């Protein structure tokens, strides 16, 4: 049922069909991992802040 979506990586990547595999250069892999980690931290920080605001407002 979700085969077409998974195949297109629609849930995993910002741009459908963008994935082309990891680069052969380990330095590029580290750069990609660091960028991803930074994005996850930024998202998580904003989610936690919103939960704190919601708790303070009683929502």
N, C-alpha and C. Protein backbone atom coordinates (compact mmCIF):
# COMPACT_ATOMS: atom_id res chain seq x y z
N UNK A 1 0.81 -1.18 0.00
CA UNK A 1 0.00 0.00 0.00
C UNK A 1 0.87 1.27 0.00
N UNK A 2 1.94 1.31 0.83
CA UNK A 2 2.79 2.51 0.83
C UNK A 2 4.00 2.34 -0.07
N UNK A 3 4.03 1.24 -0.80
CA UNK A 3 5.16 0.95 -1.68
C UNK A 3 5.59 2.11 -2.57
N UNK A 4 4.66 2.75 -3.29
CA UNK A 4 5.07 3.86 -4.16
C UNK A 4 5.69 5.02 -3.39
N UNK A 5 5.16 5.31 -2.20
CA UNK A 5 5.72 6.39 -1.40
C UNK A 5 7.11 6.03 -0.89
N UNK A 6 7.25 4.79 -0.42
CA UNK A 6 8.55 4.38 0.09
C UNK A 6 9.58 4.37 -1.04
N UNK A 7 9.17 3.86 -2.17
CA UNK A 7 10.09 3.78 -3.30
C UNK A 7 10.57 5.17 -3.70
N UNK A 8 9.70 6.15 -3.62
CA UNK A 8 10.07 7.52 -3.98
C UNK A 8 10.77 8.23 -2.83
N UNK A 9 10.83 7.57 -1.67
CA UNK A 9 11.43 8.16 -0.47
C UNK A 9 10.71 9.45 -0.06
N UNK A 10 9.43 9.55 -0.34
CA UNK A 10 8.67 10.76 -0.08
C UNK A 10 8.62 11.12 1.40
N UNK A 11 8.66 10.12 2.27
CA UNK A 11 8.58 10.39 3.70
C UNK A 11 9.95 10.63 4.32
N UNK A 12 10.99 10.32 3.61
CA UNK A 12 12.32 10.34 4.19
C UNK A 12 13.15 11.55 3.76
N UNK A 13 12.88 12.09 2.60
CA UNK A 13 13.70 13.15 2.05
C UNK A 13 12.86 14.36 1.67
N UNK A 14 13.46 15.54 1.75
CA UNK A 14 12.74 16.78 1.42
C UNK A 14 12.31 16.80 -0.04
N UNK A 15 13.15 16.32 -0.92
CA UNK A 15 12.83 16.32 -2.34
C UNK A 15 12.67 14.88 -2.80
N UNK A 16 11.51 14.54 -3.29
CA UNK A 16 11.25 13.18 -3.75
C UNK A 16 12.23 12.81 -4.85
N UNK A 17 12.83 11.64 -4.72
CA UNK A 17 13.76 11.15 -5.74
C UNK A 17 15.14 11.76 -5.64
N UNK A 18 15.42 12.54 -4.60
CA UNK A 18 16.70 13.22 -4.47
C UNK A 18 17.82 12.27 -4.03
N UNK A 19 17.49 11.23 -3.30
CA UNK A 19 18.50 10.33 -2.74
C UNK A 19 19.30 9.64 -3.81
N UNK A 20 20.61 9.69 -3.67
CA UNK A 20 21.47 9.02 -4.66
C UNK A 20 22.53 8.16 -4.00
N UNK A 21 22.44 7.94 -2.70
CA UNK A 21 23.42 7.13 -1.99
C UNK A 21 24.45 8.01 -1.33
N UNK A 22 25.22 7.41 -0.44
CA UNK A 22 26.26 8.17 0.24
C UNK A 22 27.47 8.37 -0.67
N UNK A 23 28.13 9.51 -0.54
CA UNK A 23 29.33 9.74 -1.34
C UNK A 23 30.47 8.82 -0.90
N UNK A 24 31.40 8.60 -1.78
CA UNK A 24 32.54 7.73 -1.48
C UNK A 24 33.53 8.40 -0.54
N UNK A 25 33.57 9.74 -0.57
CA UNK A 25 34.51 10.49 0.27
C UNK A 25 34.00 10.54 1.70
N UNK A 26 34.74 9.97 2.67
CA UNK A 26 34.31 9.97 4.06
C UNK A 26 34.10 11.37 4.64
N UNK A 27 34.86 12.34 4.18
CA UNK A 27 34.70 13.72 4.66
C UNK A 27 33.33 14.27 4.28
N UNK A 28 32.85 13.93 3.10
CA UNK A 28 31.52 14.37 2.68
C UNK A 28 30.44 13.70 3.52
N UNK A 29 30.66 12.44 3.87
CA UNK A 29 29.69 11.72 4.71
C UNK A 29 29.61 12.39 6.09
N UNK A 30 30.76 12.76 6.64
CA UNK A 30 30.79 13.44 7.94
C UNK A 30 30.06 14.78 7.86
N UNK A 31 30.28 15.52 6.78
CA UNK A 31 29.61 16.81 6.59
C UNK A 31 28.10 16.64 6.53
N UNK A 32 27.64 15.64 5.80
CA UNK A 32 26.20 15.37 5.69
C UNK A 32 25.63 14.98 7.05
N UNK A 33 26.33 14.13 7.78
CA UNK A 33 25.86 13.70 9.10
C UNK A 33 25.80 14.87 10.07
N UNK A 34 26.80 15.74 10.04
CA UNK A 34 26.82 16.89 10.93
C UNK A 34 25.67 17.84 10.61
N UNK A 35 25.40 18.06 9.34
CA UNK A 35 24.31 18.94 8.93
C UNK A 35 22.97 18.35 9.38
N UNK A 36 22.81 17.06 9.21
CA UNK A 36 21.57 16.39 9.62
C UNK A 36 21.39 16.49 11.13
N UNK A 37 22.47 16.25 11.88
CA UNK A 37 22.42 16.33 13.33
C UNK A 37 22.03 17.74 13.77
N UNK A 38 22.60 18.75 13.12
CA UNK A 38 22.29 20.14 13.47
C UNK A 38 20.81 20.44 13.21
N UNK A 39 20.28 19.94 12.11
CA UNK A 39 18.87 20.16 11.78
C UNK A 39 17.95 19.47 12.79
N UNK A 40 18.32 18.27 13.20
CA UNK A 40 17.51 17.54 14.18
C UNK A 40 17.53 18.26 15.51
N UNK A 41 18.71 18.75 15.92
CA UNK A 41 18.81 19.49 17.17
C UNK A 41 17.95 20.76 17.13
N UNK A 42 17.99 21.47 16.02
CA UNK A 42 17.21 22.69 15.87
C UNK A 42 15.71 22.39 15.97
N UNK A 43 15.27 21.35 15.28
CA UNK A 43 13.86 20.97 15.32
C UNK A 43 13.45 20.55 16.74
N UNK A 44 14.27 19.73 17.37
CA UNK A 44 13.95 19.24 18.71
C UNK A 44 13.89 20.40 19.70
N UNK A 45 14.81 21.32 19.61
CA UNK A 45 14.83 22.48 20.49
C UNK A 45 13.53 23.29 20.35
N UNK A 46 13.10 23.51 19.11
CA UNK A 46 11.87 24.28 18.90
C UNK A 46 10.65 23.53 19.43
N UNK A 47 10.63 22.21 19.27
CA UNK A 47 9.50 21.42 19.79
C UNK A 47 9.44 21.48 21.32
N UNK A 48 10.59 21.36 21.96
CA UNK A 48 10.63 21.40 23.43
C UNK A 48 10.20 22.78 23.92
N UNK A 49 10.69 23.83 23.28
CA UNK A 49 10.29 25.18 23.67
C UNK A 49 8.78 25.38 23.53
N UNK A 50 8.20 24.85 22.46
CA UNK A 50 6.77 24.97 22.26
C UNK A 50 6.00 24.22 23.34
N UNK A 51 6.47 23.04 23.71
CA UNK A 51 5.81 22.27 24.78
C UNK A 51 5.87 23.03 26.11
N UNK A 52 7.00 23.68 26.37
CA UNK A 52 7.13 24.47 27.60
C UNK A 52 6.15 25.64 27.58
N UNK A 53 6.07 26.33 26.44
CA UNK A 53 5.12 27.44 26.32
C UNK A 53 3.69 26.96 26.51
N UNK A 54 3.36 25.83 25.88
CA UNK A 54 2.01 25.27 26.02
C UNK A 54 1.71 24.92 27.49
N UNK A 55 2.68 24.35 28.18
CA UNK A 55 2.48 23.97 29.58
C UNK A 55 2.27 25.20 30.45
N UNK A 56 3.02 26.26 30.17
CA UNK A 56 2.88 27.50 30.94
C UNK A 56 1.52 28.16 30.69
N UNK A 57 1.02 28.02 29.46
CA UNK A 57 -0.26 28.62 29.10
C UNK A 57 -1.45 27.73 29.44
N UNK A 58 -1.17 26.52 29.92
CA UNK A 58 -2.25 25.61 30.28
C UNK A 58 -2.96 24.97 29.11
N UNK A 59 -2.29 24.90 27.95
CA UNK A 59 -2.91 24.28 26.78
C UNK A 59 -2.37 22.89 26.54
